[in-house]
Amino acid sequence: MTKSYILTLSCDDRPGLVAAVAGLLFEVGGNILEAQQFDDRQTGHFFMRIVFDLAEEAFESTHARIAGLAARHAMTWRLRARDERKRVLLLVSKFDHCLGDLLYRTRIG
């Protein structure tokens, strides 16, 4: 059975980072569903977020392989299940329409 995961990472920018991450996911049988990346030219830092499907039984070995890749590139990274709920703090203005809009959007998914 497959499950969706979210990988976020950041490190100093250098050529080949996207290929390295995508190649690793391909090698472990992952299927990339979404991918975003950003280079901060002022700081020389690279940021990436990837959502991918993976067989549940391949999670542990994939986690270890990502850890190895991250160590080689001095990456800060996090891997979590897509359905894992995150704790969030919302701050809104005094006007109730902001909070109402956020709650409505949450309700409709």
C-alpha atoms as a PDB file:
ATOM      1  CA  MET A   1       0.000   0.000   0.000  1.00  0.00           C
ATOM      2  CA  THR A   2       1.298   3.474  -0.843  1.00  0.00           C
ATOM      3  CA  LYS A   3       1.238   6.511   1.375  1.00  0.00           C
ATOM      4  CA  SER A   4       1.971  10.171   0.664  1.00  0.00           C
ATOM      5  CA  TYR A   5       4.892  11.929   2.330  1.00  0.00           C
ATOM      6  CA  ILE A   6       6.224  15.486   2.415  1.00  0.00           C
ATOM      7  CA  LEU A   7       9.951  16.171   2.297  1.00  0.00           C
ATOM      8  CA  THR A   8      11.159  19.690   3.066  1.00  0.00           C
ATOM      9  CA  LEU A   9      14.806  20.634   2.915  1.00  0.00           C
ATOM     10  CA  SER A  10      17.207  23.547   2.753  1.00  0.00           C
ATOM     11  CA  CYS A  11      20.944  23.938   2.259  1.00  0.00           C
ATOM     12  CA  ASP A  12      23.536  26.046   0.503  1.00  0.00           C
ATOM     13  CA  ASP A  13      22.664  26.249  -3.182  1.00  0.00           C
ATOM     14  CA  ARG A  14      24.715  24.208  -5.654  1.00  0.00           C
ATOM     15  CA  PRO A  15      24.084  22.535  -9.001  1.00  0.00           C
ATOM     16  CA  GLY A  16      22.459  19.104  -9.005  1.00  0.00           C
ATOM     17  CA  LEU A  17      20.350  19.277  -5.848  1.00  0.00           C
ATOM     18  CA  VAL A  18      17.004  18.801  -7.601  1.00  0.00           C
ATOM     19  CA  ALA A  19      18.411  15.931  -9.671  1.00  0.00           C
ATOM     20  CA  ALA A  20      19.883  14.274  -6.572  1.00  0.00           C
ATOM     21  CA  VAL A  21      16.613  14.368  -4.635  1.00  0.00           C
ATOM     22  CA  ALA A  22      14.426  13.370  -7.603  1.00  0.00           C
ATOM     23  CA  GLY A  23      16.850  10.601  -8.544  1.00  0.00           C
ATOM     24  CA  LEU A  24      16.818   9.191  -5.022  1.00  0.00           C
ATOM     25  CA  LEU A  25      13.019   9.148  -4.963  1.00  0.00           C
ATOM     26  CA  PHE A  26      12.968   7.424  -8.346  1.00  0.00           C
ATOM     27  CA  GLU A  27      15.437   4.779  -7.151  1.00  0.00           C
ATOM     28  CA  VAL A  28      13.290   3.885  -4.120  1.00  0.00           C
ATOM     29  CA  GLY A  29      10.100   3.691  -6.194  1.00  0.00           C
ATOM     30  CA  GLY A  30       8.661   7.030  -5.129  1.00  0.00           C
ATOM     31  CA  ASN A  31       6.259   8.970  -7.330  1.00  0.00           C
ATOM     32  CA  ILE A  32       6.571  12.762  -7.090  1.00  0.00           C
ATOM     33  CA  LEU A  33       3.150  14.432  -6.935  1.00  0.00           C
ATOM     34  CA  GLU A  34       4.214  18.039  -6.251  1.00  0.00           C
ATOM     35  CA  ALA A  35       7.564  19.806  -6.166  1.00  0.00           C
ATOM     36  CA  GLN A  36       8.489  23.385  -5.363  1.00  0.00           C
ATOM     37  CA  GLN A  37      11.924  24.915  -5.039  1.00  0.00           C
ATOM     38  CA  PHE A  38      13.340  28.326  -4.346  1.00  0.00           C
ATOM     39  CA  ASP A  39      16.816  29.791  -4.518  1.00  0.00           C
ATOM     40  CA  ASP A  40      17.473  32.791  -2.301  1.00  0.00           C
ATOM     41  CA  ARG A  41      20.070  34.595  -4.383  1.00  0.00           C
ATOM     42  CA  GLN A  42      20.935  37.022  -1.597  1.00  0.00           C
ATOM     43  CA  THR A  43      21.879  34.310   0.895  1.00  0.00           C
ATOM     44  CA  GLY A  44      22.814  31.541  -1.549  1.00  0.00           C
ATOM     45  CA  HIS A  45      20.363  29.211   0.165  1.00  0.00           C
ATOM     46  CA  PHE A  46      18.185  26.573  -1.548  1.00  0.00           C
ATOM     47  CA  PHE A  47      14.733  25.476  -0.306  1.00  0.00           C
ATOM     48  CA  MET A  48      12.650  22.552  -1.574  1.00  0.00           C
ATOM     49  CA  ARG A  49       9.326  20.901  -0.773  1.00  0.00           C
ATOM     50  CA  ILE A  50       8.316  17.623  -2.400  1.00  0.00           C
ATOM     51  CA  VAL A  51       5.130  15.605  -1.974  1.00  0.00           C
ATOM     52  CA  PHE A  52       5.491  12.007  -3.104  1.00  0.00           C
ATOM     53  CA  ASP A  53       3.857   8.584  -2.872  1.00  0.00           C
ATOM     54  CA  LEU A  54       5.879   5.646  -1.603  1.00  0.00           C
ATOM     55  CA  ALA A  55       5.168   2.068  -0.592  1.00  0.00           C
ATOM     56  CA  GLU A  56       4.823   2.060   3.199  1.00  0.00           C
ATOM     57  CA  GLU A  57       7.287  -0.793   3.559  1.00  0.00           C
ATOM     58  CA  ALA A  58       9.964   1.311   1.811  1.00  0.00           C
ATOM     59  CA  PHE A  59       9.701   4.213   4.273  1.00  0.00           C
ATOM     60  CA  GLU A  60      12.481   3.223   6.689  1.00  0.00           C
ATOM     61  CA  SER A  61      15.071   2.551   3.984  1.00  0.00           C
ATOM     62  CA  THR A  62      14.062   5.738   2.154  1.00  0.00           C
ATOM     63  CA  HIS A  63      14.394   7.741   5.367  1.00  0.00           C
ATOM     64  CA  ALA A  64      17.925   6.384   5.796  1.00  0.00           C
ATOM     65  CA  ARG A  65      18.867   7.182   2.195  1.00  0.00           C
ATOM     66  CA  ILE A  66      17.541  10.733   2.513  1.00  0.00           C
ATOM     67  CA  ALA A  67      19.574  11.112   5.708  1.00  0.00           C
ATOM     68  CA  GLY A  68      22.685  10.092   3.766  1.00  0.00           C
ATOM     69  CA  LEU A  69      21.959  12.524   0.944  1.00  0.00           C
ATOM     70  CA  ALA A  70      21.265  15.281   3.460  1.00  0.00           C
ATOM     71  CA  ALA A  71      24.550  14.648   5.237  1.00  0.00           C
ATOM     72  CA  ARG A  72      26.520  14.842   1.964  1.00  0.00           C
ATOM     73  CA  HIS A  73      24.951  18.219   1.133  1.00  0.00           C
ATOM     74  CA  ALA A  74      24.699  19.607   4.695  1.00  0.00           C
ATOM     75  CA  MET A  75      20.905  19.806   4.378  1.00  0.00           C
ATOM     76  CA  THR A  76      18.405  20.635   7.060  1.00  0.00           C
ATOM     77  CA  TRP A  77      15.445  18.381   6.288  1.00  0.00           C
ATOM     78  CA  ARG A  78      12.195  16.905   7.544  1.00  0.00           C
ATOM     79  CA  LEU A  79      10.158  13.979   6.252  1.00  0.00           C
ATOM     80  CA  ARG A  80       6.601  13.443   7.441  1.00  0.00           C
ATOM     81  CA  ALA A  81       3.448  11.657   6.384  1.00  0.00           C
ATOM     82  CA  ARG A  82       1.143  13.936   4.413  1.00  0.00           C
ATOM     83  CA  ASP A  83      -1.809  13.085   6.650  1.00  0.00           C
ATOM     84  CA  GLU A  84       0.108  14.006   9.815  1.00  0.00           C
ATOM     85  CA  ARG A  85      -1.633  17.015  11.297  1.00  0.00           C
ATOM     86  CA  LYS A  86       0.497  19.986  12.184  1.00  0.00           C
ATOM     87  CA  ARG A  87      -0.061  22.282  15.128  1.00  0.00           C
ATOM     88  CA  VAL A  88      -0.816  25.777  13.889  1.00  0.00           C
ATOM     89  CA  LEU A  89      -1.236  29.143  15.555  1.00  0.00           C
ATOM     90  CA  LEU A  90      -3.415  31.622  13.694  1.00  0.00           C
ATOM     91  CA  LEU A  91      -3.321  35.343  14.317  1.00  0.00           C
ATOM     92  CA  VAL A  92      -6.012  37.501  12.751  1.00  0.00           C
ATOM     93  CA  SER A  93      -7.089  41.111  12.895  1.00  0.00           C
ATOM     94  CA  LYS A  94      -9.841  42.403  15.171  1.00  0.00           C
ATOM     95  CA  PHE A  95     -12.288  42.066  12.289  1.00  0.00           C
ATOM     96  CA  ASP A  96     -14.091  38.727  12.343  1.00  0.00           C
ATOM     97  CA  HIS A  97     -14.193  38.310   8.549  1.00  0.00           C
ATOM     98  CA  CYS A  98     -10.517  37.182   8.528  1.00  0.00           C
ATOM     99  CA  LEU A  99     -11.070  34.406  11.054  1.00  0.00           C
ATOM    100  CA  GLY A 100     -14.375  33.479   9.420  1.00  0.00           C
ATOM    101  CA  ASP A 101     -12.691  33.104   6.043  1.00  0.00           C
ATOM    102  CA  LEU A 102      -9.931  30.880   7.468  1.00  0.00           C
ATOM    103  CA  LEU A 103     -12.394  28.665   9.305  1.00  0.00           C
ATOM    104  CA  TYR A 104     -14.578  28.361   6.210  1.00  0.00           C
ATOM    105  CA  ARG A 105     -11.592  27.393   4.039  1.00  0.00           C
ATOM    106  CA  THR A 106     -10.558  24.784   6.592  1.00  0.00           C
ATOM    107  CA  ARG A 107     -14.055  23.311   6.650  1.00  0.00           C
ATOM    108  CA  ILE A 108     -14.234  22.940   2.850  1.00  0.00           C
ATOM    109  CA  GLY A 109     -10.755  21.435   2.666  1.00  0.00           C
END
